[in-house]
Amino acid sequence: MTDATAHSDPLAPWRLTALRILRESDVFPESLRWEASPAGLLMQVPPGPAHANILADLRDLLEPRLPGGIHVLEGIPFVLAVGTERTPDLVVVDQGSRAEFRDGHALSASGVWMFVEVTSGNTRRVDLREKPGEYAAAEVPVTLIVDRKTHEVIVHFEPVNGKYTYTERVEAGADVRLPEPFGFTVDSGFLLDEL
């Protein structure tokens, strides 16, 4: 942590400690997800069936096309910056170069190929406005967002200086191009049944 970070956000070092205490307490159900951001601690309710089906279908599309050692995981929290921890809906990660895990979360986005978010009513603003910048700053090569409200798939890629250089948007049902390190397209037709 730099002196500038400590001065501008004195609570940043404590957010992850508070997050760990919340997760370890018996007060809240395990189905709740917690994230830490510069805005504070965020509680997320469990997603509904449509959200879960989108993730399962996307996972089924990706896994057969990935090389050995590249896995699609769910529910993995990542520390992205001082005091910021996010839990993407899905993570595509190279198991051979993944980040160190401590206290239940990855300490960086090392080895990550892509983060996936599927918006819900209570997460849409954060998924669309905050997370892409945080993921780009963590040098995640690709971020894919399924916006359930607009029926779009948004792909951000090529992070440079904390921002994604390119963004592509396609309507649900169209082919979605996944740039390097993927280099293939996926058919998003499965979304038409869930949106």
N, C-alpha and C. Protein backbone atom coordinates (compact mmCIF):
# COMPACT_ATOMS: atom_id res chain seq x y z
N MET A 1 0.85 -1.18 0.00
CA MET A 1 0.00 0.00 0.00
C MET A 1 0.89 1.23 0.00
N THR A 2 0.58 2.19 -0.83
CA THR A 2 1.35 3.42 -0.87
C THR A 2 0.83 4.39 0.17
N ASP A 3 1.65 5.39 0.51
CA ASP A 3 1.21 6.42 1.45
C ASP A 3 0.01 7.16 0.90
N ALA A 4 -0.04 7.36 -0.43
CA ALA A 4 -1.17 8.06 -1.05
C ALA A 4 -2.46 7.28 -0.85
N THR A 5 -2.40 5.95 -0.97
CA THR A 5 -3.59 5.13 -0.77
C THR A 5 -4.06 5.22 0.67
N ALA A 6 -3.13 5.12 1.62
CA ALA A 6 -3.49 5.18 3.03
C ALA A 6 -4.08 6.54 3.38
N HIS A 7 -3.54 7.59 2.79
CA HIS A 7 -4.04 8.94 3.08
C HIS A 7 -5.42 9.16 2.47
N SER A 8 -5.62 8.73 1.24
CA SER A 8 -6.90 8.96 0.56
C SER A 8 -7.99 8.00 1.01
N ASP A 9 -7.63 6.83 1.50
CA ASP A 9 -8.61 5.83 1.94
C ASP A 9 -8.07 5.11 3.17
N PRO A 10 -8.18 5.73 4.34
CA PRO A 10 -7.59 5.13 5.54
C PRO A 10 -8.23 3.80 5.94
N LEU A 11 -9.43 3.49 5.44
CA LEU A 11 -10.09 2.24 5.80
C LEU A 11 -9.73 1.08 4.88
N ALA A 12 -9.04 1.36 3.77
CA ALA A 12 -8.74 0.32 2.79
C ALA A 12 -8.10 -0.92 3.41
N PRO A 13 -7.09 -0.79 4.27
CA PRO A 13 -6.46 -2.00 4.81
C PRO A 13 -7.39 -2.82 5.70
N TRP A 14 -8.42 -2.22 6.23
CA TRP A 14 -9.30 -2.90 7.19
C TRP A 14 -10.49 -3.57 6.54
N ARG A 15 -10.81 -3.21 5.31
CA ARG A 15 -11.99 -3.79 4.66
C ARG A 15 -11.88 -5.30 4.50
N LEU A 16 -10.71 -5.78 4.09
CA LEU A 16 -10.56 -7.22 3.90
C LEU A 16 -10.61 -7.97 5.23
N THR A 17 -10.11 -7.35 6.29
CA THR A 17 -10.21 -7.97 7.62
C THR A 17 -11.67 -8.07 8.03
N ALA A 18 -12.42 -6.99 7.84
CA ALA A 18 -13.85 -7.01 8.17
C ALA A 18 -14.59 -8.05 7.33
N LEU A 19 -14.21 -8.16 6.07
CA LEU A 19 -14.83 -9.13 5.17
C LEU A 19 -14.59 -10.56 5.68
N ARG A 20 -13.37 -10.85 6.08
CA ARG A 20 -13.04 -12.18 6.61
C ARG A 20 -13.84 -12.48 7.87
N ILE A 21 -13.97 -11.50 8.75
CA ILE A 21 -14.74 -11.70 9.98
C ILE A 21 -16.20 -11.99 9.66
N LEU A 22 -16.77 -11.24 8.70
CA LEU A 22 -18.16 -11.48 8.30
C LEU A 22 -18.34 -12.90 7.77
N ARG A 23 -17.43 -13.32 6.91
CA ARG A 23 -17.54 -14.65 6.30
C ARG A 23 -17.41 -15.76 7.34
N GLU A 24 -16.58 -15.54 8.33
CA GLU A 24 -16.34 -16.58 9.33
C GLU A 24 -17.40 -16.61 10.43
N SER A 25 -18.21 -15.57 10.51
CA SER A 25 -19.24 -15.53 11.56
C SER A 25 -20.38 -16.48 11.21
N ASP A 26 -21.13 -16.86 12.21
CA ASP A 26 -22.30 -17.71 11.99
C ASP A 26 -23.58 -16.89 11.89
N VAL A 27 -23.45 -15.59 11.79
CA VAL A 27 -24.61 -14.69 11.79
C VAL A 27 -25.34 -14.72 10.45
N PHE A 28 -24.59 -14.83 9.36
CA PHE A 28 -25.18 -14.75 8.03
C PHE A 28 -25.15 -16.12 7.34
N PRO A 29 -26.15 -16.42 6.52
CA PRO A 29 -26.13 -17.69 5.78
C PRO A 29 -24.95 -17.75 4.81
N GLU A 30 -24.44 -18.95 4.60
CA GLU A 30 -23.31 -19.13 3.69
C GLU A 30 -23.66 -18.77 2.25
N SER A 31 -24.94 -18.74 1.91
CA SER A 31 -25.35 -18.43 0.54
C SER A 31 -25.13 -16.96 0.19
N LEU A 32 -24.96 -16.10 1.17
CA LEU A 32 -24.69 -14.69 0.89
C LEU A 32 -23.25 -14.52 0.44
N ARG A 33 -23.06 -13.66 -0.57
CA ARG A 33 -21.71 -13.33 -1.01
C ARG A 33 -21.39 -11.92 -0.54
N TRP A 34 -20.16 -11.71 -0.17
CA TRP A 34 -19.70 -10.41 0.27
C TRP A 34 -18.56 -9.95 -0.62
N GLU A 35 -18.52 -8.66 -0.91
CA GLU A 35 -17.41 -8.07 -1.65
C GLU A 35 -16.98 -6.80 -0.93
N ALA A 36 -15.72 -6.42 -1.13
CA ALA A 36 -15.20 -5.17 -0.57
C ALA A 36 -14.79 -4.28 -1.73
N SER A 37 -15.20 -3.02 -1.67
CA SER A 37 -14.83 -2.06 -2.70
C SER A 37 -14.50 -0.75 -2.00
N PRO A 38 -13.99 0.24 -2.73
CA PRO A 38 -13.75 1.54 -2.11
C PRO A 38 -15.01 2.15 -1.50
N ALA A 39 -16.18 1.71 -1.94
CA ALA A 39 -17.44 2.22 -1.39
C ALA A 39 -17.79 1.56 -0.06
N GLY A 40 -17.15 0.44 0.27
CA GLY A 40 -17.44 -0.26 1.52
C GLY A 40 -17.65 -1.74 1.29
N LEU A 41 -18.32 -2.39 2.24
CA LEU A 41 -18.64 -3.81 2.12
C LEU A 41 -20.00 -3.96 1.47
N LEU A 42 -20.10 -4.90 0.54
CA LEU A 42 -21.33 -5.11 -0.21
C LEU A 42 -21.83 -6.54 0.02
N MET A 43 -23.08 -6.67 0.41
CA MET A 43 -23.69 -7.98 0.58
C MET A 43 -24.52 -8.27 -0.67
N GLN A 44 -24.36 -9.46 -1.23
CA GLN A 44 -25.11 -9.84 -2.41
C GLN A 44 -25.95 -11.06 -2.11
N VAL A 45 -27.23 -10.95 -2.44
CA VAL A 45 -28.13 -12.07 -2.21
C VAL A 45 -27.86 -13.16 -3.24
N PRO A 46 -28.21 -14.40 -2.94
CA PRO A 46 -27.98 -15.48 -3.90
C PRO A 46 -28.73 -15.22 -5.21
N PRO A 47 -28.10 -15.52 -6.34
CA PRO A 47 -28.77 -15.33 -7.63
C PRO A 47 -29.91 -16.32 -7.83
N GLY A 48 -30.84 -15.94 -8.69
CA GLY A 48 -31.98 -16.80 -8.99
C GLY A 48 -31.65 -17.85 -10.03
N PRO A 49 -32.65 -18.67 -10.39
CA PRO A 49 -32.43 -19.78 -11.33
C PRO A 49 -31.96 -19.33 -12.71
N ALA A 50 -32.50 -18.23 -13.26
CA ALA A 50 -32.08 -17.79 -14.59
C ALA A 50 -30.60 -17.42 -14.58
N HIS A 51 -30.17 -16.73 -13.56
CA HIS A 51 -28.76 -16.35 -13.40
C HIS A 51 -27.88 -17.61 -13.35
N ALA A 52 -28.28 -18.57 -12.53
CA ALA A 52 -27.52 -19.82 -12.40
C ALA A 52 -27.49 -20.60 -13.71
N ASN A 53 -28.60 -20.62 -14.44
CA ASN A 53 -28.65 -21.33 -15.72
C ASN A 53 -27.72 -20.70 -16.74
N ILE A 54 -27.66 -19.36 -16.77
CA ILE A 54 -26.75 -18.67 -17.70
C ILE A 54 -25.31 -19.08 -17.40
N LEU A 55 -24.94 -19.08 -16.13
CA LEU A 55 -23.58 -19.46 -15.76
C LEU A 55 -23.28 -20.91 -16.14
N ALA A 56 -24.22 -21.81 -15.88
CA ALA A 56 -24.02 -23.23 -16.22
C ALA A 56 -23.87 -23.42 -17.73
N ASP A 57 -24.72 -22.74 -18.51
CA ASP A 57 -24.65 -22.87 -19.96
C ASP A 57 -23.35 -22.29 -20.51
N LEU A 58 -22.94 -21.15 -19.99
CA LEU A 58 -21.70 -20.54 -20.45
C LEU A 58 -20.50 -21.43 -20.11
N ARG A 59 -20.52 -21.98 -18.94
CA ARG A 59 -19.46 -22.91 -18.53
C ARG A 59 -19.42 -24.12 -19.47
N ASP A 60 -20.59 -24.66 -19.80
CA ASP A 60 -20.67 -25.81 -20.72
C ASP A 60 -20.13 -25.47 -22.10
N LEU A 61 -20.31 -24.22 -22.55
CA LEU A 61 -19.79 -23.80 -23.85
C LEU A 61 -18.27 -23.61 -23.82
N LEU A 62 -17.76 -23.08 -22.73
CA LEU A 62 -16.34 -22.76 -22.66
C LEU A 62 -15.45 -23.98 -22.41
N GLU A 63 -15.82 -24.80 -21.45
CA GLU A 63 -14.92 -25.87 -21.00
C GLU A 63 -14.39 -26.78 -22.10
N PRO A 64 -15.23 -27.25 -23.04
CA PRO A 64 -14.69 -28.16 -24.06
C PRO A 64 -13.70 -27.49 -25.02
N ARG A 65 -13.71 -26.17 -25.07
CA ARG A 65 -12.87 -25.46 -26.04
C ARG A 65 -11.56 -24.96 -25.44
N LEU A 66 -11.41 -25.12 -24.14
CA LEU A 66 -10.21 -24.61 -23.47
C LEU A 66 -9.11 -25.66 -23.47
N PRO A 67 -7.85 -25.21 -23.59
CA PRO A 67 -6.75 -26.17 -23.52
C PRO A 67 -6.61 -26.76 -22.12
N GLY A 68 -5.90 -27.86 -22.01
CA GLY A 68 -5.67 -28.50 -20.72
C GLY A 68 -5.03 -27.54 -19.73
N GLY A 69 -5.44 -27.63 -18.49
CA GLY A 69 -4.89 -26.77 -17.45
C GLY A 69 -5.62 -25.45 -17.29
N ILE A 70 -6.54 -25.16 -18.20
CA ILE A 70 -7.35 -23.94 -18.10
C ILE A 70 -8.72 -24.36 -17.58
N HIS A 71 -9.13 -23.78 -16.47
CA HIS A 71 -10.36 -24.20 -15.80
C HIS A 71 -11.35 -23.04 -15.67
N VAL A 72 -12.63 -23.39 -15.61
CA VAL A 72 -13.70 -22.43 -15.35
C VAL A 72 -14.15 -22.68 -13.91
N LEU A 73 -14.01 -21.66 -13.07
CA LEU A 73 -14.32 -21.78 -11.65
C LEU A 73 -15.40 -20.79 -11.25
N GLU A 74 -16.04 -21.08 -10.14
CA GLU A 74 -17.13 -20.24 -9.65
C GLU A 74 -16.91 -19.98 -8.16
N GLY A 75 -17.25 -18.75 -7.73
CA GLY A 75 -17.22 -18.43 -6.30
C GLY A 75 -15.84 -18.18 -5.72
N ILE A 76 -14.89 -17.76 -6.54
CA ILE A 76 -13.53 -17.50 -6.06
C ILE A 76 -13.34 -16.00 -5.85
N PRO A 77 -13.10 -15.56 -4.61
CA PRO A 77 -12.84 -14.14 -4.37
C PRO A 77 -11.40 -13.77 -4.72
N PHE A 78 -11.22 -12.59 -5.30
CA PHE A 78 -9.91 -12.09 -5.70
C PHE A 78 -9.66 -10.73 -5.06
N VAL A 79 -8.48 -10.55 -4.49
CA VAL A 79 -8.05 -9.23 -4.03
C VAL A 79 -7.50 -8.52 -5.26
N LEU A 80 -8.12 -7.39 -5.62
CA LEU A 80 -7.73 -6.69 -6.84
C LEU A 80 -6.88 -5.46 -6.56
N ALA A 81 -7.04 -4.87 -5.39
CA ALA A 81 -6.28 -3.69 -4.99
C ALA A 81 -6.38 -3.61 -3.47
N VAL A 82 -5.70 -2.66 -2.89
CA VAL A 82 -5.75 -2.50 -1.43
C VAL A 82 -7.20 -2.27 -1.02
N GLY A 83 -7.73 -3.16 -0.19
CA GLY A 83 -9.09 -3.01 0.31
C GLY A 83 -10.19 -3.36 -0.66
N THR A 84 -9.85 -3.92 -1.83
CA THR A 84 -10.87 -4.27 -2.83
C THR A 84 -10.80 -5.77 -3.11
N GLU A 85 -11.91 -6.45 -2.87
CA GLU A 85 -12.02 -7.87 -3.18
C GLU A 85 -13.33 -8.09 -3.91
N ARG A 86 -13.26 -8.77 -5.04
CA ARG A 86 -14.45 -9.08 -5.84
C ARG A 86 -14.53 -10.59 -6.04
N THR A 87 -15.78 -11.06 -6.20
CA THR A 87 -16.03 -12.46 -6.49
C THR A 87 -16.79 -12.54 -7.81
N PRO A 88 -16.07 -12.66 -8.94
CA PRO A 88 -16.76 -12.76 -10.22
C PRO A 88 -17.67 -13.99 -10.26
N ASP A 89 -18.70 -13.92 -11.10
CA ASP A 89 -19.61 -15.07 -11.23
C ASP A 89 -18.87 -16.30 -11.74
N LEU A 90 -18.03 -16.12 -12.75
CA LEU A 90 -17.17 -17.19 -13.26
C LEU A 90 -15.77 -16.62 -13.47
N VAL A 91 -14.79 -17.50 -13.38
CA VAL A 91 -13.40 -17.14 -13.64
C VAL A 91 -12.81 -18.21 -14.55
N VAL A 92 -12.15 -17.79 -15.61
CA VAL A 92 -11.39 -18.71 -16.45
C VAL A 92 -9.92 -18.47 -16.08
N VAL A 93 -9.27 -19.53 -15.58
CA VAL A 93 -7.93 -19.34 -15.02
C VAL A 93 -6.99 -20.47 -15.44
N ASP A 94 -5.75 -20.10 -15.65
CA ASP A 94 -4.68 -21.05 -15.94
C ASP A 94 -4.19 -21.59 -14.60
N GLN A 95 -4.48 -22.86 -14.33
CA GLN A 95 -4.12 -23.45 -13.04
C GLN A 95 -2.61 -23.48 -12.83
N GLY A 96 -1.85 -23.45 -13.91
CA GLY A 96 -0.39 -23.49 -13.79
C GLY A 96 0.22 -22.20 -13.32
N SER A 97 -0.48 -21.09 -13.46
CA SER A 97 0.10 -19.80 -13.06
C SER A 97 -0.87 -18.98 -12.21
N ARG A 98 -1.77 -19.67 -11.53
CA ARG A 98 -2.76 -18.94 -10.73
C ARG A 98 -2.11 -18.30 -9.51
N ALA A 99 -2.82 -17.35 -8.95
CA ALA A 99 -2.33 -16.57 -7.82
C ALA A 99 -2.26 -17.40 -6.55
N GLU A 100 -1.49 -16.91 -5.60
CA GLU A 100 -1.43 -17.50 -4.27
C GLU A 100 -2.76 -17.27 -3.56
N PHE A 101 -3.23 -18.28 -2.82
CA PHE A 101 -4.45 -18.16 -2.03
C PHE A 101 -4.08 -18.04 -0.56
N ARG A 102 -4.77 -17.12 0.12
CA ARG A 102 -4.59 -16.96 1.57
C ARG A 102 -5.89 -16.44 2.16
N ASP A 103 -6.26 -16.95 3.30
CA ASP A 103 -7.48 -16.51 4.00
C ASP A 103 -8.71 -16.58 3.10
N GLY A 104 -8.76 -17.59 2.22
CA GLY A 104 -9.95 -17.82 1.42
C GLY A 104 -10.08 -17.01 0.16
N HIS A 105 -9.04 -16.27 -0.23
CA HIS A 105 -9.13 -15.52 -1.48
C HIS A 105 -7.78 -15.52 -2.22
N ALA A 106 -7.88 -15.30 -3.53
CA ALA A 106 -6.67 -15.17 -4.35
C ALA A 106 -6.09 -13.78 -4.10
N LEU A 107 -4.78 -13.70 -3.97
CA LEU A 107 -4.14 -12.43 -3.63
C LEU A 107 -3.89 -11.54 -4.84
N SER A 108 -4.19 -12.04 -6.03
CA SER A 108 -4.08 -11.24 -7.25
C SER A 108 -4.88 -11.94 -8.34
N ALA A 109 -4.90 -11.34 -9.52
CA ALA A 109 -5.58 -11.95 -10.66
C ALA A 109 -4.58 -12.68 -11.56
N SER A 110 -3.45 -13.05 -11.02
CA SER A 110 -2.43 -13.76 -11.79
C SER A 110 -3.01 -15.06 -12.36
N GLY A 111 -2.76 -15.30 -13.63
CA GLY A 111 -3.23 -16.52 -14.29
C GLY A 111 -4.65 -16.45 -14.80
N VAL A 112 -5.36 -15.37 -14.51
CA VAL A 112 -6.75 -15.24 -14.96
C VAL A 112 -6.77 -14.90 -16.44
N TRP A 113 -7.60 -15.60 -17.19
CA TRP A 113 -7.86 -15.29 -18.59
C TRP A 113 -9.08 -14.40 -18.73
N MET A 114 -10.10 -14.66 -17.90
CA MET A 114 -11.34 -13.90 -18.05
C MET A 114 -12.14 -13.94 -16.75
N PHE A 115 -12.78 -12.80 -16.44
CA PHE A 115 -13.81 -12.74 -15.41
C PHE A 115 -15.15 -12.61 -16.13
N VAL A 116 -16.17 -13.26 -15.59
CA VAL A 116 -17.53 -13.21 -16.15
C VAL A 116 -18.47 -12.69 -15.08
N GLU A 117 -19.33 -11.75 -15.47
CA GLU A 117 -20.39 -11.24 -14.60
C GLU A 117 -21.71 -11.36 -15.33
N VAL A 118 -22.75 -11.76 -14.61
CA VAL A 118 -24.12 -11.78 -15.12
C VAL A 118 -24.89 -10.82 -14.24
N THR A 119 -25.46 -9.78 -14.84
CA THR A 119 -26.11 -8.75 -14.02
C THR A 119 -27.41 -9.27 -13.42
N SER A 120 -27.70 -8.74 -12.25
CA SER A 120 -28.98 -8.94 -11.58
C SER A 120 -29.45 -7.55 -11.16
N GLY A 121 -30.67 -7.45 -10.73
CA GLY A 121 -31.20 -6.15 -10.34
C GLY A 121 -30.35 -5.43 -9.32
N ASN A 122 -29.82 -6.17 -8.35
CA ASN A 122 -29.05 -5.52 -7.29
C ASN A 122 -27.56 -5.41 -7.59
N THR A 123 -27.08 -5.98 -8.70
CA THR A 123 -25.64 -5.91 -9.01
C THR A 123 -25.34 -5.17 -10.31
N ARG A 124 -26.35 -4.79 -11.05
CA ARG A 124 -26.14 -4.29 -12.41
C ARG A 124 -25.21 -3.07 -12.46
N ARG A 125 -25.47 -2.08 -11.62
CA ARG A 125 -24.66 -0.86 -11.65
C ARG A 125 -23.19 -1.18 -11.36
N VAL A 126 -22.94 -1.97 -10.34
CA VAL A 126 -21.57 -2.33 -9.98
C VAL A 126 -20.93 -3.17 -11.08
N ASP A 127 -21.67 -4.15 -11.62
CA ASP A 127 -21.12 -5.02 -12.68
C ASP A 127 -20.74 -4.23 -13.93
N LEU A 128 -21.54 -3.23 -14.27
CA LEU A 128 -21.30 -2.48 -15.51
C LEU A 128 -20.36 -1.29 -15.33
N ARG A 129 -20.40 -0.63 -14.18
CA ARG A 129 -19.65 0.62 -14.02
C ARG A 129 -18.36 0.47 -13.23
N GLU A 130 -18.38 -0.30 -12.17
CA GLU A 130 -17.21 -0.37 -11.30
C GLU A 130 -16.26 -1.51 -11.66
N LYS A 131 -16.81 -2.69 -11.85
CA LYS A 131 -15.96 -3.87 -12.02
C LYS A 131 -15.07 -3.84 -13.26
N PRO A 132 -15.55 -3.38 -14.42
CA PRO A 132 -14.63 -3.38 -15.57
C PRO A 132 -13.35 -2.58 -15.33
N GLY A 133 -13.45 -1.44 -14.68
CA GLY A 133 -12.26 -0.65 -14.38
C GLY A 133 -11.34 -1.35 -13.39
N GLU A 134 -11.94 -1.97 -12.37
CA GLU A 134 -11.14 -2.71 -11.39
C GLU A 134 -10.47 -3.92 -12.03
N TYR A 135 -11.19 -4.61 -12.90
CA TYR A 135 -10.63 -5.78 -13.57
C TYR A 135 -9.52 -5.38 -14.55
N ALA A 136 -9.71 -4.26 -15.25
CA ALA A 136 -8.66 -3.78 -16.15
C ALA A 136 -7.42 -3.38 -15.36
N ALA A 137 -7.61 -2.69 -14.23
CA ALA A 137 -6.48 -2.29 -13.40
C ALA A 137 -5.72 -3.51 -12.87
N ALA A 138 -6.42 -4.63 -12.68
CA ALA A 138 -5.79 -5.88 -12.24
C ALA A 138 -5.21 -6.67 -13.41
N GLU A 139 -5.30 -6.11 -14.62
CA GLU A 139 -4.76 -6.70 -15.85
C GLU A 139 -5.40 -8.03 -16.22
N VAL A 140 -6.70 -8.14 -15.98
CA VAL A 140 -7.46 -9.30 -16.45
C VAL A 140 -7.65 -9.11 -17.95
N PRO A 141 -7.18 -10.05 -18.80
CA PRO A 141 -7.21 -9.83 -20.25
C PRO A 141 -8.60 -9.61 -20.83
N VAL A 142 -9.61 -10.33 -20.33
CA VAL A 142 -10.96 -10.25 -20.89
C VAL A 142 -11.97 -10.22 -19.75
N THR A 143 -12.96 -9.35 -19.88
CA THR A 143 -14.11 -9.35 -18.99
C THR A 143 -15.36 -9.48 -19.85
N LEU A 144 -16.18 -10.47 -19.55
CA LEU A 144 -17.44 -10.69 -20.28
C LEU A 144 -18.58 -10.43 -19.31
N ILE A 145 -19.53 -9.59 -19.75
CA ILE A 145 -20.69 -9.26 -18.92
C ILE A 145 -21.96 -9.57 -19.71
N VAL A 146 -22.84 -10.35 -19.11
CA VAL A 146 -24.17 -10.58 -19.68
C VAL A 146 -25.10 -9.60 -18.98
N ASP A 147 -25.60 -8.62 -19.75
CA ASP A 147 -26.53 -7.63 -19.19
C ASP A 147 -27.95 -8.13 -19.42
N ARG A 148 -28.55 -8.62 -18.37
CA ARG A 148 -29.89 -9.22 -18.49
C ARG A 148 -30.96 -8.17 -18.77
N LYS A 149 -30.72 -6.93 -18.43
CA LYS A 149 -31.72 -5.88 -18.66
C LYS A 149 -31.79 -5.48 -20.13
N THR A 150 -30.63 -5.32 -20.77
CA THR A 150 -30.60 -4.88 -22.17
C THR A 150 -30.47 -6.05 -23.15
N HIS A 151 -30.32 -7.26 -22.63
CA HIS A 151 -30.16 -8.47 -23.46
C HIS A 151 -28.91 -8.36 -24.34
N GLU A 152 -27.83 -7.88 -23.75
CA GLU A 152 -26.56 -7.74 -24.45
C GLU A 152 -25.48 -8.56 -23.78
N VAL A 153 -24.48 -8.93 -24.59
CA VAL A 153 -23.24 -9.49 -24.07
C VAL A 153 -22.16 -8.47 -24.38
N ILE A 154 -21.44 -8.07 -23.34
CA ILE A 154 -20.41 -7.05 -23.46
C ILE A 154 -19.07 -7.71 -23.18
N VAL A 155 -18.12 -7.50 -24.09
CA VAL A 155 -16.78 -8.06 -23.92
C VAL A 155 -15.79 -6.90 -23.90
N HIS A 156 -15.10 -6.74 -22.77
CA HIS A 156 -14.02 -5.76 -22.63
C HIS A 156 -12.71 -6.52 -22.75
N PHE A 157 -11.73 -5.93 -23.47
CA PHE A 157 -10.45 -6.63 -23.60
C PHE A 157 -9.31 -5.67 -23.85
N GLU A 158 -8.10 -6.20 -23.74
CA GLU A 158 -6.82 -5.49 -23.85
C GLU A 158 -6.71 -4.36 -22.83
N PRO A 159 -6.45 -4.71 -21.56
CA PRO A 159 -6.28 -3.67 -20.55
C PRO A 159 -4.95 -2.94 -20.72
N VAL A 160 -5.01 -1.62 -20.65
CA VAL A 160 -3.83 -0.77 -20.72
C VAL A 160 -4.02 0.36 -19.72
N ASN A 161 -3.08 0.52 -18.82
CA ASN A 161 -3.12 1.59 -17.82
C ASN A 161 -4.45 1.66 -17.07
N GLY A 162 -4.96 0.51 -16.66
CA GLY A 162 -6.16 0.48 -15.84
C GLY A 162 -7.47 0.65 -16.57
N LYS A 163 -7.44 0.60 -17.91
CA LYS A 163 -8.67 0.71 -18.70
C LYS A 163 -8.62 -0.30 -19.83
N TYR A 164 -9.80 -0.79 -20.21
CA TYR A 164 -9.85 -1.67 -21.36
C TYR A 164 -9.80 -0.84 -22.63
N THR A 165 -8.97 -1.27 -23.57
CA THR A 165 -8.80 -0.57 -24.84
C THR A 165 -10.00 -0.77 -25.75
N TYR A 166 -10.59 -1.96 -25.71
CA TYR A 166 -11.69 -2.29 -26.62
C TYR A 166 -12.90 -2.84 -25.86
N THR A 167 -14.06 -2.52 -26.40
CA THR A 167 -15.32 -3.07 -25.88
C THR A 167 -16.18 -3.44 -27.07
N GLU A 168 -16.69 -4.66 -27.07
CA GLU A 168 -17.63 -5.10 -28.12
C GLU A 168 -18.94 -5.49 -27.46
N ARG A 169 -20.05 -5.09 -28.07
CA ARG A 169 -21.39 -5.42 -27.57
C ARG A 169 -22.14 -6.16 -28.67
N VAL A 170 -22.79 -7.25 -28.28
CA VAL A 170 -23.63 -7.98 -29.23
C VAL A 170 -24.95 -8.30 -28.55
N GLU A 171 -25.98 -8.43 -29.35
CA GLU A 171 -27.29 -8.82 -28.83
C GLU A 171 -27.27 -10.30 -28.44
N ALA A 172 -28.01 -10.63 -27.41
CA ALA A 172 -28.14 -12.03 -27.00
C ALA A 172 -28.63 -12.84 -28.19
N GLY A 173 -28.04 -13.99 -28.41
CA GLY A 173 -28.37 -14.85 -29.54
C GLY A 173 -27.33 -14.82 -30.63
N ALA A 174 -26.50 -13.75 -30.66
CA ALA A 174 -25.46 -13.62 -31.68
C ALA A 174 -24.18 -14.32 -31.22
N ASP A 175 -23.27 -14.51 -32.17
CA ASP A 175 -21.95 -15.05 -31.82
C ASP A 175 -21.17 -13.99 -31.04
N VAL A 176 -20.46 -14.44 -30.02
CA VAL A 176 -19.65 -13.56 -29.19
C VAL A 176 -18.19 -13.92 -29.42
N ARG A 177 -17.42 -12.95 -29.90
CA ARG A 177 -15.99 -13.17 -30.15
C ARG A 177 -15.22 -13.00 -28.85
N LEU A 178 -14.49 -14.03 -28.49
CA LEU A 178 -13.60 -13.95 -27.33
C LEU A 178 -12.18 -13.78 -27.86
N PRO A 179 -11.57 -12.61 -27.63
CA PRO A 179 -10.23 -12.36 -28.15
C PRO A 179 -9.17 -13.16 -27.40
N GLU A 180 -7.92 -12.96 -27.78
CA GLU A 180 -6.82 -13.66 -27.10
C GLU A 180 -6.89 -13.39 -25.61
N PRO A 181 -6.64 -14.36 -24.79
CA PRO A 181 -5.99 -15.63 -25.08
C PRO A 181 -6.91 -16.73 -25.60
N PHE A 182 -8.19 -16.42 -25.83
CA PHE A 182 -9.14 -17.44 -26.30
C PHE A 182 -9.03 -17.66 -27.81
N GLY A 183 -9.34 -16.63 -28.58
CA GLY A 183 -9.26 -16.74 -30.03
C GLY A 183 -10.36 -17.58 -30.65
N PHE A 184 -11.55 -17.57 -30.06
CA PHE A 184 -12.69 -18.28 -30.65
C PHE A 184 -13.98 -17.54 -30.32
N THR A 185 -15.06 -17.98 -30.96
CA THR A 185 -16.37 -17.38 -30.70
C THR A 185 -17.27 -18.40 -30.01
N VAL A 186 -18.25 -17.88 -29.28
CA VAL A 186 -19.26 -18.74 -28.66
C VAL A 186 -20.63 -18.24 -29.09
N ASP A 187 -21.53 -19.15 -29.28
CA ASP A 187 -22.91 -18.83 -29.67
C ASP A 187 -23.70 -18.50 -28.40
N SER A 188 -24.24 -17.29 -28.33
CA SER A 188 -25.00 -16.90 -27.14
C SER A 188 -26.49 -17.18 -27.28
N GLY A 189 -26.86 -18.06 -28.20
CA GLY A 189 -28.26 -18.41 -28.38
C GLY A 189 -28.92 -18.96 -27.13
N PHE A 190 -28.14 -19.58 -26.26
CA PHE A 190 -28.70 -20.12 -25.01
C PHE A 190 -29.32 -19.03 -24.15
N LEU A 191 -28.87 -17.79 -24.32
CA LEU A 191 -29.40 -16.68 -23.51
C LEU A 191 -30.85 -16.38 -23.82
N LEU A 192 -31.29 -16.68 -25.03
CA LEU A 192 -32.66 -16.35 -25.43
C LEU A 192 -33.69 -17.04 -24.55
N ASP A 193 -33.34 -18.20 -24.00
CA ASP A 193 -34.25 -18.92 -23.11
C ASP A 193 -34.26 -18.37 -21.69
N GLU A 194 -33.24 -17.58 -21.33
CA GLU A 194 -33.08 -17.13 -19.95
C GLU A 194 -33.35 -15.65 -19.74
N LEU A 195 -33.40 -14.86 -20.82
CA LEU A 195 -33.58 -13.41 -20.66
C LEU A 195 -35.02 -13.00 -20.88
